[in-house]
Amino acid sequence: MKKLYSFNDEVRCAYLLKSGTVFFEIKDKELYKIAGKNLIVAASEIVLNFNPDSLYYRQYNFYRDDAAEIVEISPENLKTLIYKYTAGYNINVFLAQMIQITNKILAKRRLELTDDAKTVHEISRIYYNITNTLIETGEKLRFPDIKKLAEKQKSELIYETGKIFSQGKESKQIELKKEMLDDFNVSFSPNSIICKEGDEGREMYILNKGRIKIILDDTEVAEINEPGTVIGEIALLLGEKRTATLKAVDQVILSIVKKDNLQQFHQTNENIFLQMGGSLSKSIHNNFQIIRNIDEQAKEKKEQKVAGFLDKGRAQNHLLDLYKNLNKLYSDKGYKQMPELIKKADEAIKKYVK
């Protein structure tokens, strides 16, 4: 087995795996394999770096089997290839496989989390979301006091931790020409079921209009209302059972893309694989961030080191500090935007701070 690159290496190229097996390693001797023929691999960081404002490094150690036949693909060539149907599809299939594997790793890691660690993750996520709303409010209204408080809360470690654990829950949007979607649009009436949890999935949905409830185990867990939101791209690329039920809240218009009309869809939306690839690559990057965060916390606890990451007490204190500062700002200035944020912080305190 030969190492092709290491974690945190600069990104030089992707690879065409003509045949054989490649492996990625999260930590020492924890290897996961992907085998295939004519598969474009190790492209996620390159896709993310297509954004000129981004600079991503390798997320894992990467190896090839001694018998594997591979060819390097430069970032420039990859950017050309991702617009072509066969190559673009190929790139996204590998990215989807990486999502599947890292999702399973994450699920296993989360089962091993202590109750205190789970509490830290939830408090961090709530803190991040409240602070983000505060930032958006300050930018929109241009109130110096709100902007100052937002910057203070954003500077805390818990904000960055919360960002990691929130990004995986965010919906994914892509930008396509609306006039090019008409042939793929399907309308759903209010309260109709779009797909059911456990159904075989072979298509993806792009929301054009309306609101959709996501229902898991008969419980509503989220609502989608942003045009361009993509649902089910993994099902389209790999085929898998639906993990949730989708229900139309009001009149919903979706573009439905299936394997048998994907090539037709690509002809009028040639950047679809670039956009899908960017969305999948962000999810891969976030999965690795969460996995490393969990592993580092476990390592520090085992070695009894001073925590470089949040522990439960520090997370609770950050949440209490946020609650106190929101109340003070409301008491001093009476901003009508504060009570809703105060309520969210208060609910989190009652749930997670004993």
Protein backbone atom coordinates (compact mmCIF):
# COMPACT_ATOMS: atom_id res chain seq x y z
CA MET A 1 0.00 0.00 0.00
CA LYS A 2 1.36 3.45 -0.95
CA LYS A 3 0.46 6.78 0.66
CA LEU A 4 -0.62 9.42 -1.85
CA TYR A 5 -0.97 12.29 0.63
CA SER A 6 -1.39 13.08 4.33
CA PHE A 7 -3.86 15.03 6.44
CA ASN A 8 -3.35 18.80 6.06
CA ASP A 9 -1.22 18.44 2.91
CA GLU A 10 -1.61 21.07 0.22
CA VAL A 11 -4.02 19.97 -2.53
CA ARG A 12 -2.17 19.19 -5.75
CA CYS A 13 -4.38 16.89 -7.79
CA ALA A 14 -7.26 14.44 -7.94
CA TYR A 15 -6.85 10.92 -9.34
CA LEU A 16 -8.47 8.73 -11.95
CA LEU A 17 -8.69 5.28 -10.39
CA LYS A 18 -8.57 3.10 -13.50
CA SER A 19 -8.83 -0.04 -11.39
CA GLY A 20 -8.15 -1.26 -7.89
CA THR A 21 -8.75 0.11 -4.40
CA VAL A 22 -8.02 3.32 -2.52
CA PHE A 23 -8.18 3.90 1.24
CA PHE A 24 -8.67 6.93 3.45
CA GLU A 25 -7.46 7.00 7.04
CA ILE A 26 -8.93 9.20 9.76
CA LYS A 27 -6.56 8.17 12.52
CA ASP A 28 -3.81 5.60 12.83
CA LYS A 29 -4.87 2.28 11.28
CA GLU A 30 -8.53 3.30 10.93
CA LEU A 31 -8.81 2.66 7.19
CA TYR A 32 -11.86 2.74 4.91
CA LYS A 33 -11.74 1.48 1.35
CA ILE A 34 -13.41 2.35 -1.93
CA ALA A 35 -12.91 0.19 -4.99
CA GLY A 36 -13.87 0.87 -8.57
CA LYS A 37 -12.98 1.27 -12.20
CA ASN A 38 -12.49 4.59 -13.96
CA LEU A 39 -13.56 6.45 -10.82
CA ILE A 40 -12.39 10.02 -10.16
CA VAL A 41 -11.31 10.18 -6.51
CA ALA A 42 -9.88 12.67 -3.98
CA ALA A 43 -11.62 15.64 -5.59
CA SER A 44 -13.59 17.22 -2.71
CA GLU A 45 -10.99 19.76 -1.56
CA ILE A 46 -10.27 20.75 -5.16
CA VAL A 47 -13.99 21.37 -5.77
CA LEU A 48 -14.12 23.53 -2.62
CA ASN A 49 -11.05 25.44 -3.79
CA PHE A 50 -12.78 26.37 -7.05
CA ASN A 51 -14.13 29.24 -4.94
CA PRO A 52 -11.32 31.84 -5.14
CA ASP A 53 -11.97 32.89 -1.54
CA SER A 54 -11.46 29.35 -0.21
CA LEU A 55 -8.32 27.45 0.74
CA TYR A 56 -8.86 23.88 1.88
CA TYR A 57 -6.22 21.29 2.74
CA ARG A 58 -6.45 17.51 2.71
CA GLN A 59 -8.88 16.10 5.24
CA TYR A 60 -7.39 12.63 5.70
CA ASN A 61 -4.47 10.35 4.87
CA PHE A 62 -4.99 8.72 1.47
CA TYR A 63 -3.51 5.47 0.13
CA ARG A 64 -3.74 3.25 -2.89
CA ASP A 65 -3.44 -0.50 -3.07
CA ASP A 66 -0.19 -1.71 -4.66
CA ALA A 67 -2.15 -3.14 -7.57
CA ALA A 68 -4.24 0.00 -8.13
CA GLU A 69 -3.76 1.84 -11.41
CA ILE A 70 -4.15 5.61 -11.05
CA VAL A 71 -3.52 8.75 -13.08
CA GLU A 72 -3.19 12.28 -11.68
CA ILE A 73 -5.74 14.95 -12.67
CA SER A 74 -4.75 18.58 -12.20
CA PRO A 75 -7.22 21.04 -10.60
CA GLU A 76 -7.48 22.85 -13.94
CA ASN A 77 -8.41 19.65 -15.79
CA LEU A 78 -10.85 18.65 -13.06
CA LYS A 79 -12.67 21.96 -13.40
CA THR A 80 -13.10 21.28 -17.12
CA LEU A 81 -14.17 17.67 -16.56
CA ILE A 82 -16.83 18.42 -13.95
CA TYR A 83 -18.92 20.24 -16.56
CA LYS A 84 -18.96 17.17 -18.82
CA TYR A 85 -21.76 14.68 -18.22
CA THR A 86 -19.86 11.39 -17.72
CA ALA A 87 -16.94 12.85 -15.77
CA GLY A 88 -19.14 15.16 -13.70
CA TYR A 89 -21.41 12.28 -12.76
CA ASN A 90 -18.36 10.15 -11.96
CA ILE A 91 -16.88 12.80 -9.64
CA ASN A 92 -20.14 13.16 -7.74
CA VAL A 93 -20.58 9.39 -7.35
CA PHE A 94 -17.30 9.21 -5.43
CA LEU A 95 -18.28 12.22 -3.31
CA ALA A 96 -21.59 10.55 -2.52
CA GLN A 97 -19.76 7.37 -1.48
CA MET A 98 -17.60 9.45 0.85
CA ILE A 99 -20.74 10.98 2.38
CA GLN A 100 -22.22 7.53 2.98
CA ILE A 101 -19.06 6.22 4.63
CA THR A 102 -18.42 9.30 6.81
CA ASN A 103 -22.09 9.41 7.87
CA LYS A 104 -21.74 5.84 9.15
CA ILE A 105 -18.51 6.73 10.96
CA LEU A 106 -20.24 9.72 12.55
CA ALA A 107 -23.20 7.62 13.65
CA LYS A 108 -20.83 5.18 15.35
CA ARG A 109 -18.86 7.99 17.02
CA ARG A 110 -22.05 9.59 18.31
CA LEU A 111 -23.20 6.33 19.88
CA GLU A 112 -19.96 6.36 21.87
CA LEU A 113 -20.42 9.95 23.12
CA THR A 114 -21.00 10.54 26.81
CA ASP A 115 -24.12 12.43 27.86
CA ASP A 116 -21.93 15.41 28.78
CA ALA A 117 -20.38 15.48 25.30
CA LYS A 118 -23.82 15.37 23.67
CA THR A 119 -24.87 18.29 25.86
CA VAL A 120 -21.82 20.29 24.77
CA HIS A 121 -22.68 19.70 21.12
CA GLU A 122 -26.30 20.80 21.56
CA ILE A 123 -25.45 23.90 23.61
CA SER A 124 -22.79 24.88 21.06
CA ARG A 125 -25.23 24.49 18.18
CA ILE A 126 -27.90 26.61 19.94
CA TYR A 127 -25.32 29.28 20.87
CA TYR A 128 -24.12 29.43 17.24
CA ASN A 129 -27.65 29.81 15.85
CA ILE A 130 -28.65 32.54 18.33
CA THR A 131 -25.41 34.43 17.74
CA ASN A 132 -25.84 34.16 13.97
CA THR A 133 -29.32 35.68 14.25
CA LEU A 134 -27.81 38.46 16.37
CA ILE A 135 -25.13 39.06 13.71
CA GLU A 136 -27.74 39.18 10.92
CA THR A 137 -29.89 41.58 12.96
CA GLY A 138 -26.95 43.89 13.61
CA GLU A 139 -25.99 43.94 9.95
CA LYS A 140 -29.55 44.57 8.80
CA LEU A 141 -30.45 47.30 11.31
CA ARG A 142 -26.93 48.72 11.71
CA PHE A 143 -27.41 49.21 15.45
CA PRO A 144 -23.90 49.61 16.96
CA ASP A 145 -24.85 47.98 20.27
CA ILE A 146 -26.20 44.84 18.59
CA LYS A 147 -23.19 44.61 16.29
CA LYS A 148 -20.80 45.02 19.23
CA LEU A 149 -22.50 42.27 21.24
CA ALA A 150 -22.63 40.00 18.19
CA GLU A 151 -18.88 40.36 17.64
CA LYS A 152 -18.19 39.62 21.31
CA GLN A 153 -20.27 36.44 21.28
CA LYS A 154 -18.83 35.37 17.93
CA SER A 155 -15.26 35.60 19.28
CA GLU A 156 -15.84 32.78 21.80
CA LEU A 157 -14.63 29.23 21.13
CA ILE A 158 -18.16 27.90 21.53
CA TYR A 159 -19.23 29.77 18.37
CA GLU A 160 -16.71 27.89 16.19
CA THR A 161 -17.63 24.61 17.87
CA GLY A 162 -21.31 25.30 17.24
CA LYS A 163 -20.56 26.14 13.62
CA ILE A 164 -19.11 22.67 13.09
CA PHE A 165 -22.15 20.94 14.58
CA SER A 166 -24.68 23.18 12.81
CA GLN A 167 -23.41 23.02 9.25
CA GLY A 168 -24.41 19.40 8.76
CA LYS A 169 -28.00 20.34 9.62
CA GLU A 170 -28.21 23.23 7.17
CA SER A 171 -30.13 22.82 3.93
CA LYS A 172 -28.20 22.85 0.65
CA GLN A 173 -29.06 25.30 -2.10
CA ILE A 174 -27.98 25.39 -5.71
CA GLU A 175 -28.49 28.13 -8.28
CA LEU A 176 -30.03 27.07 -11.58
CA LYS A 177 -31.83 28.94 -14.33
CA LYS A 178 -35.51 28.78 -13.43
CA GLU A 179 -36.59 28.86 -17.06
CA MET A 180 -34.55 25.70 -17.65
CA LEU A 181 -36.43 23.74 -14.96
CA ASP A 182 -39.95 23.86 -16.40
CA ASP A 183 -39.78 20.47 -18.13
CA PHE A 184 -38.90 18.80 -14.81
CA ASN A 185 -41.38 20.59 -12.56
CA VAL A 186 -44.09 18.75 -10.65
CA SER A 187 -46.73 20.40 -8.46
CA PHE A 188 -47.86 19.01 -5.09
CA SER A 189 -51.02 20.17 -3.38
CA PRO A 190 -51.07 21.23 0.31
CA ASN A 191 -50.69 18.36 2.80
CA SER A 192 -49.76 15.84 0.08
CA ILE A 193 -46.93 13.34 0.66
CA ILE A 194 -43.96 13.79 -1.68
CA CYS A 195 -42.11 10.68 -0.52
CA LYS A 196 -42.19 8.39 2.48
CA GLU A 197 -39.49 7.32 4.90
CA GLY A 198 -38.22 3.91 3.83
CA ASP A 199 -39.18 4.31 0.16
CA GLU A 200 -36.60 3.37 -2.45
CA GLY A 201 -34.99 6.59 -3.68
CA ARG A 202 -33.84 7.07 -7.27
CA GLU A 203 -34.39 10.79 -7.77
CA MET A 204 -33.52 14.13 -6.27
CA TYR A 205 -35.76 17.13 -5.69
CA ILE A 206 -35.04 20.84 -6.16
CA LEU A 207 -37.48 23.18 -4.42
CA ASN A 208 -38.80 25.97 -6.64
CA LYS A 209 -41.76 27.17 -4.60
CA GLY A 210 -43.55 26.42 -1.35
CA ARG A 211 -42.76 24.83 1.99
CA ILE A 212 -41.95 21.22 2.83
CA LYS A 213 -42.06 19.47 6.20
CA ILE A 214 -39.37 16.89 6.96
CA ILE A 215 -40.85 14.16 9.15
CA LEU A 216 -38.73 11.52 10.89
CA ASP A 217 -40.38 8.70 12.85
CA ASP A 218 -43.71 10.59 12.71
CA THR A 219 -42.09 13.70 14.22
CA GLU A 220 -41.60 16.95 12.31
CA VAL A 221 -37.89 17.81 12.54
CA ALA A 222 -37.52 20.69 10.06
CA GLU A 223 -39.18 22.79 7.41
CA ILE A 224 -37.67 23.69 4.03
CA ASN A 225 -38.73 26.88 2.27
CA GLU A 226 -35.63 28.19 0.46
CA PRO A 227 -35.86 28.02 -3.35
CA GLY A 228 -32.99 26.01 -4.79
CA THR A 229 -32.82 23.64 -1.82
CA VAL A 230 -31.70 20.17 -2.94
CA ILE A 231 -33.05 16.99 -1.36
CA GLY A 232 -32.01 13.44 -2.17
CA GLU A 233 -28.91 13.82 -4.34
CA ILE A 234 -27.35 10.76 -2.67
CA ALA A 235 -30.41 8.74 -3.67
CA LEU A 236 -30.02 9.90 -7.26
CA LEU A 237 -26.32 9.03 -7.41
CA LEU A 238 -26.21 5.80 -5.40
CA GLY A 239 -29.76 4.70 -4.75
CA GLU A 240 -30.82 4.35 -1.13
CA LYS A 241 -33.95 4.28 0.99
CA ARG A 242 -35.48 7.58 2.01
CA THR A 243 -34.42 8.56 5.51
CA ALA A 244 -37.42 10.87 6.09
CA THR A 245 -40.94 11.63 4.88
CA LEU A 246 -41.46 14.85 2.89
CA LYS A 247 -44.86 16.53 3.12
CA ALA A 248 -46.05 19.65 1.29
CA VAL A 249 -47.23 22.39 3.68
CA ASP A 250 -48.76 24.55 0.96
CA GLN A 251 -48.64 24.43 -2.85
CA VAL A 252 -45.18 23.07 -3.67
CA ILE A 253 -43.40 23.02 -7.00
CA LEU A 254 -40.39 20.70 -7.27
CA SER A 255 -38.01 19.91 -10.10
CA ILE A 256 -37.67 16.12 -10.01
CA VAL A 257 -34.48 14.71 -11.54
CA LYS A 258 -34.20 10.95 -12.08
CA LYS A 259 -31.39 8.83 -13.43
CA ASP A 260 -33.19 8.35 -16.71
CA ASN A 261 -33.59 12.10 -17.31
CA LEU A 262 -30.39 13.30 -15.65
CA GLN A 263 -28.53 13.62 -18.93
CA GLN A 264 -31.38 15.67 -20.39
CA PHE A 265 -31.34 17.85 -17.26
CA HIS A 266 -27.57 18.31 -17.62
CA GLN A 267 -27.96 19.56 -21.20
CA THR A 268 -29.86 22.62 -20.00
CA ASN A 269 -28.13 22.95 -16.62
CA GLU A 270 -24.52 22.09 -17.37
CA ASN A 271 -23.21 23.39 -14.03
CA ILE A 272 -25.38 20.93 -12.06
CA PHE A 273 -22.45 18.61 -11.23
CA LEU A 274 -20.30 21.53 -10.13
CA GLN A 275 -23.04 22.74 -7.79
CA MET A 276 -23.83 19.26 -6.49
CA GLY A 277 -20.12 18.59 -6.05
CA GLY A 278 -19.68 21.76 -4.02
CA SER A 279 -22.59 20.85 -1.76
CA LEU A 280 -21.39 17.26 -1.24
CA SER A 281 -17.81 18.40 -0.65
CA LYS A 282 -18.91 20.82 2.08
CA SER A 283 -20.77 17.97 3.78
CA ILE A 284 -17.68 15.74 3.57
CA HIS A 285 -15.48 18.49 5.02
CA ASN A 286 -17.94 19.07 7.85
CA ASN A 287 -18.19 15.35 8.64
CA PHE A 288 -14.43 15.12 9.02
CA GLN A 289 -14.40 18.21 11.24
CA ILE A 290 -16.98 16.66 13.57
CA ILE A 291 -15.20 13.29 13.63
CA ARG A 292 -11.89 14.93 14.54
CA ASN A 293 -13.57 17.11 17.16
CA ILE A 294 -15.10 14.05 18.83
CA ASP A 295 -11.82 12.10 18.63
CA GLU A 296 -9.80 14.96 20.11
CA GLN A 297 -12.21 15.34 23.01
CA ALA A 298 -12.00 11.61 23.71
CA LYS A 299 -8.19 11.71 23.53
CA GLU A 300 -7.90 14.64 25.93
CA LYS A 301 -10.21 13.00 28.42
CA LYS A 302 -8.29 9.73 28.25
CA GLU A 303 -4.93 11.46 28.71
CA GLN A 304 -6.37 13.78 31.39
CA LYS A 305 -5.09 16.87 29.61
CA VAL A 306 -6.38 20.40 30.12
CA ALA A 307 -9.27 20.64 27.68
CA GLY A 308 -8.44 22.50 24.50
CA PHE A 309 -12.05 21.89 23.48
CA LEU A 310 -15.22 22.78 25.32
CA ASP A 311 -16.29 20.79 28.33
CA LYS A 312 -19.82 20.84 29.70
CA GLY A 313 -19.19 23.47 32.37
CA ARG A 314 -17.59 25.93 29.96
CA ALA A 315 -20.36 25.45 27.40
CA GLN A 316 -23.01 26.10 30.05
CA ASN A 317 -21.22 29.25 31.21
CA HIS A 318 -21.04 30.56 27.65
CA LEU A 319 -24.78 30.01 27.23
CA LEU A 320 -25.52 31.78 30.53
CA ASP A 321 -23.26 34.66 29.50
CA LEU A 322 -25.10 35.00 26.19
CA TYR A 323 -28.46 35.00 28.00
CA LYS A 324 -27.26 37.66 30.46
CA ASN A 325 -25.89 39.91 27.70
CA LEU A 326 -29.08 39.65 25.62
CA ASN A 327 -31.16 40.62 28.67
CA LYS A 328 -28.90 43.55 29.48
CA LEU A 329 -29.08 44.87 25.92
CA TYR A 330 -32.87 44.59 25.98
CA SER A 331 -33.04 46.30 29.39
CA ASP A 332 -30.77 49.15 28.26
CA LYS A 333 -32.09 49.73 24.74
CA GLY A 334 -35.45 47.98 24.49
CA TYR A 335 -34.72 46.49 21.05
CA LYS A 336 -37.80 44.54 19.99
CA GLN A 337 -35.63 41.88 18.30
CA MET A 338 -34.18 40.71 21.65
CA PRO A 339 -37.14 38.94 23.39
CA GLU A 340 -37.26 36.09 20.83
CA LEU A 341 -33.52 35.45 21.21
CA ILE A 342 -33.79 35.69 24.98
CA LYS A 343 -36.61 33.12 24.89
CA LYS A 344 -34.48 30.67 22.85
CA ALA A 345 -31.53 31.06 25.24
CA ASP A 346 -33.83 30.64 28.24
CA GLU A 347 -35.34 27.44 26.81
CA ALA A 348 -31.84 26.04 26.25
CA ILE A 349 -30.78 26.93 29.79
CA LYS A 350 -33.81 25.17 31.27
CA LYS A 351 -33.03 22.08 29.19
CA TYR A 352 -29.24 21.89 29.44
CA VAL A 353 -28.19 23.83 32.55
CA LYS A 354 -29.20 22.22 35.84
